């Protein structure tokens, strides 16, 4: 049973990662990319590499939080054993706030 659950987790994580490809850029293309976009790409890469070791994307993808709240979640994970630098946390928080930021207020 545990093997089946682990296989399902690995399959869902790999399918999500495959649907969210990382861009391989040449140094020339990276130089032309704005720094904010490079930081967002770095956050996505770190998130994919480190968070998917323990979590499926379905755990956090429905959440809508601002940058400060995402940073709090990431520091809570450090308290639980995650090994990240401050720069990695900042990059992941920036990325998560951009793609999973607060939902716009409902229009009346």
PDB file of N, CA and C in Angstrom:
ATOM      1  N   UNK A   1       0.826  -1.194   0.000  1.00  0.00           N
ATOM      2  CA  UNK A   1       0.000   0.000   0.000  1.00  0.00           C
ATOM      3  C   UNK A   1       0.865   1.251   0.000  1.00  0.00           C
ATOM      4  N   UNK A   2       1.897   1.271   0.872  1.00  0.00           N
ATOM      5  CA  UNK A   2       2.784   2.426   0.949  1.00  0.00           C
ATOM      6  C   UNK A   2       3.516   2.636  -0.374  1.00  0.00           C
ATOM      7  N   UNK A   3       3.871   1.545  -1.039  1.00  0.00           N
ATOM      8  CA  UNK A   3       4.554   1.647  -2.324  1.00  0.00           C
ATOM      9  C   UNK A   3       3.629   2.285  -3.350  1.00  0.00           C
ATOM     10  N   UNK A   4       2.359   1.922  -3.323  1.00  0.00           N
ATOM     11  CA  UNK A   4       1.387   2.486  -4.252  1.00  0.00           C
ATOM     12  C   UNK A   4       1.195   3.975  -4.002  1.00  0.00           C
ATOM     13  N   UNK A   5       1.121   4.371  -2.744  1.00  0.00           N
ATOM     14  CA  UNK A   5       0.957   5.786  -2.406  1.00  0.00           C
ATOM     15  C   UNK A   5       2.182   6.568  -2.850  1.00  0.00           C
ATOM     16  N   UNK A   6       3.377   6.039  -2.585  1.00  0.00           N
ATOM     17  CA  UNK A   6       4.606   6.710  -2.995  1.00  0.00           C
ATOM     18  C   UNK A   6       4.683   6.829  -4.507  1.00  0.00           C
ATOM     19  N   UNK A   7       4.284   5.788  -5.225  1.00  0.00           N
ATOM     20  CA  UNK A   7       4.297   5.826  -6.684  1.00  0.00           C
ATOM     21  C   UNK A   7       3.320   6.879  -7.198  1.00  0.00           C
ATOM     22  N   UNK A   8       2.147   6.974  -6.585  1.00  0.00           N
ATOM     23  CA  UNK A   8       1.170   7.977  -7.004  1.00  0.00           C
ATOM     24  C   UNK A   8       1.704   9.375  -6.738  1.00  0.00           C
ATOM     25  N   UNK A   9       2.358   9.584  -5.597  1.00  0.00           N
ATOM     26  CA  UNK A   9       2.940  10.886  -5.277  1.00  0.00           C
ATOM     27  C   UNK A   9       4.022  11.252  -6.291  1.00  0.00           C
ATOM     28  N   UNK A  10       4.932  10.322  -6.571  1.00  0.00           N
ATOM     29  CA  UNK A  10       6.008  10.596  -7.517  1.00  0.00           C
ATOM     30  C   UNK A  10       5.463  10.872  -8.914  1.00  0.00           C
ATOM     31  N   UNK A  11       4.428  10.151  -9.308  1.00  0.00           N
ATOM     32  CA  UNK A  11       3.822  10.375 -10.608  1.00  0.00           C
ATOM     33  C   UNK A  11       3.197  11.757 -10.677  1.00  0.00           C
ATOM     34  N   UNK A  12       2.444  12.144  -9.643  1.00  0.00           N
ATOM     35  CA  UNK A  12       1.801  13.463  -9.676  1.00  0.00           C
ATOM     36  C   UNK A  12       2.840  14.574  -9.645  1.00  0.00           C
ATOM     37  N   UNK A  13       3.900  14.412  -8.864  1.00  0.00           N
ATOM     38  CA  UNK A  13       4.952  15.427  -8.809  1.00  0.00           C
ATOM     39  C   UNK A  13       5.670  15.539 -10.143  1.00  0.00           C
ATOM     40  N   UNK A  14       5.961  14.404 -10.767  1.00  0.00           N
ATOM     41  CA  UNK A  14       6.670  14.457 -12.048  1.00  0.00           C
ATOM     42  C   UNK A  14       5.780  15.005 -13.154  1.00  0.00           C
ATOM     43  N   UNK A  15       4.484  14.697 -13.120  1.00  0.00           N
ATOM     44  CA  UNK A  15       3.582  15.257 -14.120  1.00  0.00           C
ATOM     45  C   UNK A  15       3.471  16.770 -13.963  1.00  0.00           C
ATOM     46  N   UNK A  16       3.400  17.232 -12.718  1.00  0.00           N
ATOM     47  CA  UNK A  16       3.331  18.675 -12.494  1.00  0.00           C
ATOM     48  C   UNK A  16       4.612  19.345 -12.948  1.00  0.00           C
ATOM     49  N   UNK A  17       5.747  18.752 -12.586  1.00  0.00           N
ATOM     50  CA  UNK A  17       7.032  19.333 -12.980  1.00  0.00           C
ATOM     51  C   UNK A  17       7.178  19.342 -14.498  1.00  0.00           C
ATOM     52  N   UNK A  18       6.692  18.300 -15.165  1.00  0.00           N
ATOM     53  CA  UNK A  18       6.771  18.252 -16.623  1.00  0.00           C
ATOM     54  C   UNK A  18       5.873  19.288 -17.271  1.00  0.00           C
ATOM     55  N   UNK A  19       4.758  19.611 -16.618  1.00  0.00           N
ATOM     56  CA  UNK A  19       3.864  20.614 -17.192  1.00  0.00           C
ATOM     57  C   UNK A  19       4.335  22.024 -16.897  1.00  0.00           C
ATOM     58  N   UNK A  20       5.386  22.149 -16.112  1.00  0.00           N
ATOM     59  CA  UNK A  20       5.909  23.439 -15.706  1.00  0.00           C
ATOM     60  C   UNK A  20       7.389  23.484 -16.047  1.00  0.00           C
ATOM     61  N   UNK A  21       7.717  23.439 -17.349  1.00  0.00           N
ATOM     62  CA  UNK A  21       9.112  23.267 -17.749  1.00  0.00           C
ATOM     63  C   UNK A  21       9.977  24.463 -17.377  1.00  0.00           C
ATOM     64  N   UNK A  22      11.210  24.160 -17.050  1.00  0.00           N
ATOM     65  CA  UNK A  22      12.180  25.205 -16.766  1.00  0.00           C
ATOM     66  C   UNK A  22      12.851  25.604 -18.076  1.00  0.00           C
ATOM     67  N   UNK A  23      13.034  26.890 -18.244  1.00  0.00           N
ATOM     68  CA  UNK A  23      13.646  27.368 -19.471  1.00  0.00           C
ATOM     69  C   UNK A  23      15.155  27.271 -19.355  1.00  0.00           C
ATOM     70  N   UNK A  24      15.743  26.628 -20.321  1.00  0.00           N
ATOM     71  CA  UNK A  24      17.197  26.602 -20.398  1.00  0.00           C
ATOM     72  C   UNK A  24      17.603  27.769 -21.283  1.00  0.00           C
ATOM     73  N   UNK A  25      18.330  28.717 -20.736  1.00  0.00           N
ATOM     74  CA  UNK A  25      18.712  29.897 -21.492  1.00  0.00           C
ATOM     75  C   UNK A  25      20.216  29.958 -21.648  1.00  0.00           C
ATOM     76  N   UNK A  26      20.607  30.525 -22.771  1.00  0.00           N
ATOM     77  CA  UNK A  26      22.020  30.794 -22.986  1.00  0.00           C
ATOM     78  C   UNK A  26      22.409  31.996 -22.141  1.00  0.00           C
ATOM     79  N   UNK A  27      23.677  32.180 -21.865  1.00  0.00           N
ATOM     80  CA  UNK A  27      24.096  33.363 -21.106  1.00  0.00           C
ATOM     81  C   UNK A  27      23.673  34.670 -21.770  1.00  0.00           C
ATOM     82  N   UNK A  28      23.662  34.703 -23.098  1.00  0.00           N
ATOM     83  CA  UNK A  28      23.248  35.911 -23.811  1.00  0.00           C
ATOM     84  C   UNK A  28      21.765  36.198 -23.564  1.00  0.00           C
ATOM     85  N   UNK A  29      20.950  35.150 -23.581  1.00  0.00           N
ATOM     86  CA  UNK A  29      19.514  35.331 -23.343  1.00  0.00           C
ATOM     87  C   UNK A  29      19.261  35.742 -21.901  1.00  0.00           C
ATOM     88  N   UNK A  30      20.035  35.191 -20.966  1.00  0.00           N
ATOM     89  CA  UNK A  30      19.875  35.569 -19.564  1.00  0.00           C
ATOM     90  C   UNK A  30      20.241  37.026 -19.349  1.00  0.00           C
ATOM     91  N   UNK A  31      21.252  37.509 -20.060  1.00  0.00           N
ATOM     92  CA  UNK A  31      21.657  38.907 -19.920  1.00  0.00           C
ATOM     93  C   UNK A  31      20.554  39.841 -20.391  1.00  0.00           C
ATOM     94  N   UNK A  32      19.759  39.416 -21.377  1.00  0.00           N
ATOM     95  CA  UNK A  32      18.668  40.238 -21.896  1.00  0.00           C
ATOM     96  C   UNK A  32      17.404  40.136 -21.052  1.00  0.00           C
ATOM     97  N   UNK A  33      17.314  39.104 -20.212  1.00  0.00           N
ATOM     98  CA  UNK A  33      16.141  38.905 -19.370  1.00  0.00           C
ATOM     99  C   UNK A  33      16.212  39.859 -18.189  1.00  0.00           C
ATOM    100  N   UNK A  34      15.114  40.582 -17.903  1.00  0.00           N
ATOM    101  CA  UNK A  34      15.126  41.500 -16.764  1.00  0.00           C
ATOM    102  C   UNK A  34      15.419  40.762 -15.456  1.00  0.00           C
ATOM    103  N   UNK A  35      16.092  41.431 -14.501  1.00  0.00           N
ATOM    104  CA  UNK A  35      16.438  40.777 -13.232  1.00  0.00           C
ATOM    105  C   UNK A  35      15.227  40.212 -12.490  1.00  0.00           C
ATOM    106  N   UNK A  36      14.092  40.896 -12.546  1.00  0.00           N
ATOM    107  CA  UNK A  36      12.894  40.385 -11.856  1.00  0.00           C
ATOM    108  C   UNK A  36      12.459  39.050 -12.446  1.00  0.00           C
ATOM    109  N   UNK A  37      12.538  38.926 -13.771  1.00  0.00           N
ATOM    110  CA  UNK A  37      12.161  37.666 -14.412  1.00  0.00           C
ATOM    111  C   UNK A  37      13.164  36.571 -14.074  1.00  0.00           C
ATOM    112  N   UNK A  38      14.460  36.920 -13.993  1.00  0.00           N
ATOM    113  CA  UNK A  38      15.464  35.930 -13.615  1.00  0.00           C
ATOM    114  C   UNK A  38      15.217  35.436 -12.198  1.00  0.00           C
ATOM    115  N   UNK A  39      14.845  36.354 -11.292  1.00  0.00           N
ATOM    116  CA  UNK A  39      14.555  35.961  -9.907  1.00  0.00           C
ATOM    117  C   UNK A  39      13.337  35.056  -9.851  1.00  0.00           C
ATOM    118  N   UNK A  40      12.314  35.362 -10.669  1.00  0.00           N
ATOM    119  CA  UNK A  40      11.114  34.523 -10.702  1.00  0.00           C
ATOM    120  C   UNK A  40      11.453  33.134 -11.218  1.00  0.00           C
ATOM    121  N   UNK A  41      12.300  33.077 -12.255  1.00  0.00           N
ATOM    122  CA  UNK A  41      12.730  31.777 -12.774  1.00  0.00           C
ATOM    123  C   UNK A  41      13.516  31.012 -11.717  1.00  0.00           C
ATOM    124  N   UNK A  42      14.339  31.718 -10.957  1.00  0.00           N
ATOM    125  CA  UNK A  42      15.113  31.077  -9.897  1.00  0.00           C
ATOM    126  C   UNK A  42      14.175  30.521  -8.825  1.00  0.00           C
ATOM    127  N   UNK A  43      13.156  31.300  -8.462  1.00  0.00           N
ATOM    128  CA  UNK A  43      12.188  30.834  -7.466  1.00  0.00           C
ATOM    129  C   UNK A  43      11.454  29.592  -7.924  1.00  0.00           C
ATOM    130  N   UNK A  44      11.087  29.556  -9.186  1.00  0.00           N
ATOM    131  CA  UNK A  44      10.391  28.388  -9.730  1.00  0.00           C
ATOM    132  C   UNK A  44      11.304  27.166  -9.719  1.00  0.00           C
ATOM    133  N   UNK A  45      12.555  27.375 -10.084  1.00  0.00           N
ATOM    134  CA  UNK A  45      13.502  26.269 -10.116  1.00  0.00           C
ATOM    135  C   UNK A  45      13.765  25.725  -8.709  1.00  0.00           C
ATOM    136  N   UNK A  46      13.943  26.606  -7.744  1.00  0.00           N
ATOM    137  CA  UNK A  46      14.185  26.177  -6.367  1.00  0.00           C
ATOM    138  C   UNK A  46      12.972  25.427  -5.826  1.00  0.00           C
ATOM    139  N   UNK A  47      11.794  25.986  -6.079  1.00  0.00           N
ATOM    140  CA  UNK A  47      10.552  25.355  -5.625  1.00  0.00           C
ATOM    141  C   UNK A  47      10.426  23.952  -6.209  1.00  0.00           C
ATOM    142  N   UNK A  48      10.669  23.827  -7.494  1.00  0.00           N
ATOM    143  CA  UNK A  48      10.566  22.532  -8.160  1.00  0.00           C
ATOM    144  C   UNK A  48      11.583  21.544  -7.599  1.00  0.00           C
ATOM    145  N   UNK A  49      12.792  22.008  -7.385  1.00  0.00           N
ATOM    146  CA  UNK A  49      13.875  21.131  -6.930  1.00  0.00           C
ATOM    147  C   UNK A  49      13.738  20.736  -5.467  1.00  0.00           C
ATOM    148  N   UNK A  50      13.339  21.663  -4.618  1.00  0.00           N
ATOM    149  CA  UNK A  50      13.366  21.389  -3.185  1.00  0.00           C
ATOM    150  C   UNK A  50      12.011  21.020  -2.588  1.00  0.00           C
ATOM    151  N   UNK A  51      10.953  21.689  -2.969  1.00  0.00           N
ATOM    152  CA  UNK A  51       9.653  21.443  -2.321  1.00  0.00           C
ATOM    153  C   UNK A  51       9.020  20.123  -2.762  1.00  0.00           C
ATOM    154  N   UNK A  52       9.248  19.754  -4.016  1.00  0.00           N
ATOM    155  CA  UNK A  52       8.624  18.535  -4.511  1.00  0.00           C
ATOM    156  C   UNK A  52       9.265  17.279  -3.945  1.00  0.00           C
ATOM    157  N   UNK A  53      10.314  17.422  -3.153  1.00  0.00           N
ATOM    158  CA  UNK A  53      10.886  16.263  -2.472  1.00  0.00           C
ATOM    159  C   UNK A  53       9.896  15.716  -1.451  1.00  0.00           C
ATOM    160  N   UNK A  54       9.116  16.623  -0.844  1.00  0.00           N
ATOM    161  CA  UNK A  54       8.183  16.219   0.211  1.00  0.00           C
ATOM    162  C   UNK A  54       6.718  16.493  -0.129  1.00  0.00           C
ATOM    163  N   UNK A  55       6.446  17.459  -0.992  1.00  0.00           N
ATOM    164  CA  UNK A  55       5.080  17.918  -1.211  1.00  0.00           C
ATOM    165  C   UNK A  55       4.636  17.786  -2.662  1.00  0.00           C
ATOM    166  N   UNK A  56       3.365  17.496  -2.818  1.00  0.00           N
ATOM    167  CA  UNK A  56       2.744  17.548  -4.140  1.00  0.00           C
ATOM    168  C   UNK A  56       2.250  18.982  -4.348  1.00  0.00           C
ATOM    169  N   UNK A  57       2.193  19.409  -5.581  1.00  0.00           N
ATOM    170  CA  UNK A  57       1.753  20.771  -5.880  1.00  0.00           C
ATOM    171  C   UNK A  57       0.326  21.024  -5.408  1.00  0.00           C
ATOM    172  N   UNK A  58      -0.465  19.984  -5.306  1.00  0.00           N
ATOM    173  CA  UNK A  58      -1.856  20.152  -4.881  1.00  0.00           C
ATOM    174  C   UNK A  58      -1.959  20.624  -3.439  1.00  0.00           C
ATOM    175  N   UNK A  59      -0.879  20.498  -2.663  1.00  0.00           N
ATOM    176  CA  UNK A  59      -0.906  20.963  -1.275  1.00  0.00           C
ATOM    177  C   UNK A  59      -0.949  22.481  -1.194  1.00  0.00           C
ATOM    178  N   UNK A  60      -0.304  23.164  -2.133  1.00  0.00           N
ATOM    179  CA  UNK A  60      -0.194  24.616  -2.032  1.00  0.00           C
ATOM    180  C   UNK A  60      -0.783  25.379  -3.210  1.00  0.00           C
ATOM    181  N   UNK A  61      -1.009  24.731  -4.339  1.00  0.00           N
ATOM    182  CA  UNK A  61      -1.461  25.464  -5.528  1.00  0.00           C
ATOM    183  C   UNK A  61      -2.812  26.157  -5.365  1.00  0.00           C
ATOM    184  N   UNK A  62      -3.765  25.660  -4.557  1.00  0.00           N
ATOM    185  CA  UNK A  62      -5.020  26.401  -4.410  1.00  0.00           C
ATOM    186  C   UNK A  62      -4.906  27.599  -3.454  1.00  0.00           C
ATOM    187  N   UNK A  63      -3.799  27.692  -2.706  1.00  0.00           N
ATOM    188  CA  UNK A  63      -3.646  28.787  -1.745  1.00  0.00           C
ATOM    189  C   UNK A  63      -3.389  30.107  -2.465  1.00  0.00           C
ATOM    190  N   UNK A  64      -3.968  31.176  -1.933  1.00  0.00           N
ATOM    191  CA  UNK A  64      -3.760  32.526  -2.461  1.00  0.00           C
ATOM    192  C   UNK A  64      -3.280  33.394  -1.316  1.00  0.00           C
ATOM    193  N   UNK A  65      -1.994  33.766  -1.336  1.00  0.00           N
ATOM    194  CA  UNK A  65      -1.419  34.541  -0.251  1.00  0.00           C
ATOM    195  C   UNK A  65      -0.488  35.609  -0.824  1.00  0.00           C
ATOM    196  N   UNK A  66      -0.264  36.650  -0.034  1.00  0.00           N
ATOM    197  CA  UNK A  66       0.697  37.663  -0.452  1.00  0.00           C
ATOM    198  C   UNK A  66       2.113  37.173  -0.148  1.00  0.00           C
ATOM    199  N   UNK A  67       3.090  37.973  -0.534  1.00  0.00           N
ATOM    200  CA  UNK A  67       4.484  37.570  -0.396  1.00  0.00           C
ATOM    201  C   UNK A  67       4.856  37.305   1.062  1.00  0.00           C
ATOM    202  N   UNK A  68       4.408  38.152   1.953  1.00  0.00           N
ATOM    203  CA  UNK A  68       4.745  38.006   3.370  1.00  0.00           C
ATOM    204  C   UNK A  68       4.204  36.683   3.927  1.00  0.00           C
ATOM    205  N   UNK A  69       2.991  36.328   3.550  1.00  0.00           N
ATOM    206  CA  UNK A  69       2.404  35.064   4.013  1.00  0.00           C
ATOM    207  C   UNK A  69       3.166  33.865   3.445  1.00  0.00           C
ATOM    208  N   UNK A  70       3.548  33.929   2.152  1.00  0.00           N
ATOM    209  CA  UNK A  70       4.315  32.830   1.570  1.00  0.00           C
ATOM    210  C   UNK A  70       5.669  32.702   2.262  1.00  0.00           C
ATOM    211  N   UNK A  71       6.291  33.845   2.564  1.00  0.00           N
ATOM    212  CA  UNK A  71       7.575  33.798   3.258  1.00  0.00           C
ATOM    213  C   UNK A  71       7.410  33.146   4.638  1.00  0.00           C
ATOM    214  N   UNK A  72       6.305  33.444   5.309  1.00  0.00           N
ATOM    215  CA  UNK A  72       6.031  32.815   6.599  1.00  0.00           C
ATOM    216  C   UNK A  72       5.896  31.309   6.477  1.00  0.00           C
ATOM    217  N   UNK A  73       5.232  30.850   5.430  1.00  0.00           N
ATOM    218  CA  UNK A  73       5.098  29.403   5.195  1.00  0.00           C
ATOM    219  C   UNK A  73       6.474  28.780   4.979  1.00  0.00           C
ATOM    220  N   UNK A  74       7.298  29.449   4.194  1.00  0.00           N
ATOM    221  CA  UNK A  74       8.622  28.907   3.901  1.00  0.00           C
ATOM    222  C   UNK A  74       9.498  28.851   5.155  1.00  0.00           C
ATOM    223  N   UNK A  75       9.439  29.891   5.986  1.00  0.00           N
ATOM    224  CA  UNK A  75      10.210  29.861   7.227  1.00  0.00           C
ATOM    225  C   UNK A  75       9.671  28.801   8.190  1.00  0.00           C
ATOM    226  N   UNK A  76       8.376  28.546   8.150  1.00  0.00           N
ATOM    227  CA  UNK A  76       7.817  27.467   8.970  1.00  0.00           C
ATOM    228  C   UNK A  76       8.400  26.120   8.517  1.00  0.00           C
ATOM    229  N   UNK A  77       8.592  25.966   7.209  1.00  0.00           N
ATOM    230  CA  UNK A  77       9.202  24.733   6.699  1.00  0.00           C
ATOM    231  C   UNK A  77      10.657  24.628   7.152  1.00  0.00           C
ATOM    232  N   UNK A  78      11.361  25.756   7.253  1.00  0.00           N
ATOM    233  CA  UNK A  78      12.734  25.737   7.776  1.00  0.00           C
ATOM    234  C   UNK A  78      12.708  25.233   9.220  1.00  0.00           C
ATOM    235  N   UNK A  79      11.720  25.691   9.977  1.00  0.00           N
ATOM    236  CA  UNK A  79      11.580  25.225  11.355  1.00  0.00           C
ATOM    237  C   UNK A  79      11.315  23.735  11.446  1.00  0.00           C
ATOM    238  N   UNK A  80      10.807  23.168  10.364  1.00  0.00           N
ATOM    239  CA  UNK A  80      10.523  21.730  10.330  1.00  0.00           C
ATOM    240  C   UNK A  80      11.625  20.923   9.660  1.00  0.00           C
ATOM    241  N   UNK A  81      12.723  21.614   9.311  1.00  0.00           N
ATOM    242  CA  UNK A  81      13.861  20.874   8.779  1.00  0.00           C
ATOM    243  C   UNK A  81      14.297  21.211   7.369  1.00  0.00           C
ATOM    244  N   UNK A  82      13.584  22.085   6.660  1.00  0.00           N
ATOM    245  CA  UNK A  82      13.992  22.451   5.300  1.00  0.00           C
ATOM    246  C   UNK A  82      15.321  23.205   5.362  1.00  0.00           C
ATOM    247  N   UNK A  83      16.189  22.918   4.434  1.00  0.00           N
ATOM    248  CA  UNK A  83      17.512  23.546   4.392  1.00  0.00           C
ATOM    249  C   UNK A  83      17.576  24.508   3.209  1.00  0.00           C
ATOM    250  N   UNK A  84      17.219  25.757   3.458  1.00  0.00           N
ATOM    251  CA  UNK A  84      17.221  26.799   2.430  1.00  0.00           C
ATOM    252  C   UNK A  84      17.992  28.002   2.920  1.00  0.00           C
ATOM    253  N   UNK A  85      18.594  28.727   1.993  1.00  0.00           N
ATOM    254  CA  UNK A  85      19.237  29.986   2.335  1.00  0.00           C
ATOM    255  C   UNK A  85      18.179  31.092   2.311  1.00  0.00           C
ATOM    256  N   UNK A  86      18.525  32.254   2.856  1.00  0.00           N
ATOM    257  CA  UNK A  86      17.597  33.385   2.821  1.00  0.00           C
ATOM    258  C   UNK A  86      17.298  33.796   1.392  1.00  0.00           C
ATOM    259  N   UNK A  87      18.310  33.748   0.522  1.00  0.00           N
ATOM    260  CA  UNK A  87      18.094  34.114  -0.882  1.00  0.00           C
ATOM    261  C   UNK A  87      17.120  33.148  -1.562  1.00  0.00           C
ATOM    262  N   UNK A  88      17.229  31.864  -1.247  1.00  0.00           N
ATOM    263  CA  UNK A  88      16.298  30.889  -1.817  1.00  0.00           C
ATOM    264  C   UNK A  88      14.882  31.152  -1.325  1.00  0.00           C
ATOM    265  N   UNK A  89      14.738  31.475  -0.047  1.00  0.00           N
ATOM    266  CA  UNK A  89      13.414  31.758   0.504  1.00  0.00           C
ATOM    267  C   UNK A  89      12.819  32.988  -0.159  1.00  0.00           C
ATOM    268  N   UNK A  90      13.622  34.020  -0.336  1.00  0.00           N
ATOM    269  CA  UNK A  90      13.137  35.249  -0.987  1.00  0.00           C
ATOM    270  C   UNK A  90      12.701  34.956  -2.419  1.00  0.00           C
ATOM    271  N   UNK A  91      13.502  34.185  -3.144  1.00  0.00           N
ATOM    272  CA  UNK A  91      13.167  33.863  -4.536  1.00  0.00           C
ATOM    273  C   UNK A  91      11.876  33.053  -4.619  1.00  0.00           C
ATOM    274  N   UNK A  92      11.728  32.054  -3.744  1.00  0.00           N
ATOM    275  CA  UNK A  92      10.506  31.244  -3.758  1.00  0.00           C
ATOM    276  C   UNK A  92       9.296  32.071  -3.350  1.00  0.00           C
ATOM    277  N   UNK A  93       9.445  32.941  -2.341  1.00  0.00           N
ATOM    278  CA  UNK A  93       8.328  33.780  -1.901  1.00  0.00           C
ATOM    279  C   UNK A  93       7.911  34.734  -3.014  1.00  0.00           C
ATOM    280  N   UNK A  94       8.873  35.304  -3.717  1.00  0.00           N
ATOM    281  CA  UNK A  94       8.552  36.192  -4.845  1.00  0.00           C
ATOM    282  C   UNK A  94       7.774  35.437  -5.914  1.00  0.00           C
ATOM    283  N   UNK A  95       8.253  34.259  -6.262  1.00  0.00           N
ATOM    284  CA  UNK A  95       7.584  33.471  -7.289  1.00  0.00           C
ATOM    285  C   UNK A  95       6.172  33.074  -6.858  1.00  0.00           C
ATOM    286  N   UNK A  96       6.044  32.557  -5.642  1.00  0.00           N
ATOM    287  CA  UNK A  96       4.727  32.119  -5.162  1.00  0.00           C
ATOM    288  C   UNK A  96       3.747  33.282  -5.076  1.00  0.00           C
ATOM    289  N   UNK A  97       4.210  34.449  -4.651  1.00  0.00           N
ATOM    290  CA  UNK A  97       3.323  35.614  -4.579  1.00  0.00           C
ATOM    291  C   UNK A  97       2.880  36.048  -5.970  1.00  0.00           C
ATOM    292  N   UNK A  98       3.761  35.863  -6.953  1.00  0.00           N
ATOM    293  CA  UNK A  98       3.401  36.253  -8.316  1.00  0.00           C
ATOM    294  C   UNK A  98       2.392  35.289  -8.926  1.00  0.00           C
ATOM    295  N   UNK A  99       2.593  33.992  -8.738  1.00  0.00           N
ATOM    296  CA  UNK A  99       1.697  33.020  -9.376  1.00  0.00           C
ATOM    297  C   UNK A  99       0.535  32.594  -8.501  1.00  0.00           C
ATOM    298  N   UNK A 100       0.680  32.713  -7.182  1.00  0.00           N
ATOM    299  CA  UNK A 100      -0.387  32.326  -6.251  1.00  0.00           C
ATOM    300  C   UNK A 100      -0.642  33.440  -5.242  1.00  0.00           C
ATOM    301  N   UNK A 101      -0.644  34.660  -5.747  1.00  0.00           N
ATOM    302  CA  UNK A 101      -0.925  35.807  -4.892  1.00  0.00           C
ATOM    303  C   UNK A 101      -2.397  35.878  -4.565  1.00  0.00           C
ATOM    304  N   UNK A 102      -2.761  36.876  -3.773  1.00  0.00           N
ATOM    305  CA  UNK A 102      -4.170  37.025  -3.394  1.00  0.00           C
ATOM    306  C   UNK A 102      -5.063  37.166  -4.624  1.00  0.00           C
ATOM    307  N   UNK A 103      -6.223  36.546  -4.553  1.00  0.00           N
ATOM    308  CA  UNK A 103      -7.176  36.651  -5.657  1.00  0.00           C
ATOM    309  C   UNK A 103      -7.737  38.074  -5.673  1.00  0.00           C
ATOM    310  N   UNK A 104      -7.991  38.608  -6.849  1.00  0.00           N
ATOM    311  CA  UNK A 104      -8.574  39.940  -6.917  1.00  0.00           C
ATOM    312  C   UNK A 104      -9.959  39.950  -6.255  1.00  0.00           C
ATOM    313  N   UNK A 105     -10.306  41.077  -5.675  1.00  0.00           N
ATOM    314  CA  UNK A 105     -11.614  41.198  -5.009  1.00  0.00           C
ATOM    315  C   UNK A 105     -12.724  40.949  -6.026  1.00  0.00           C
ATOM    316  N   UNK A 106     -13.764  40.285  -5.570  1.00  0.00           N
ATOM    317  CA  UNK A 106     -14.900  39.985  -6.450  1.00  0.00           C
ATOM    318  C   UNK A 106     -15.572  41.289  -6.880  1.00  0.00           C
ATOM    319  N   UNK A 107     -15.867  41.373  -8.145  1.00  0.00           N
ATOM    320  CA  UNK A 107     -16.526  42.579  -8.654  1.00  0.00           C
ATOM    321  C   UNK A 107     -18.003  42.493  -8.351  1.00  0.00           C
ATOM    322  N   UNK A 108     -18.558  43.632  -7.943  1.00  0.00           N
ATOM    323  CA  UNK A 108     -19.977  43.659  -7.603  1.00  0.00           C
ATOM    324  C   UNK A 108     -20.779  44.300  -8.684  1.00  0.00           C
TER     325      UNK A 108
END
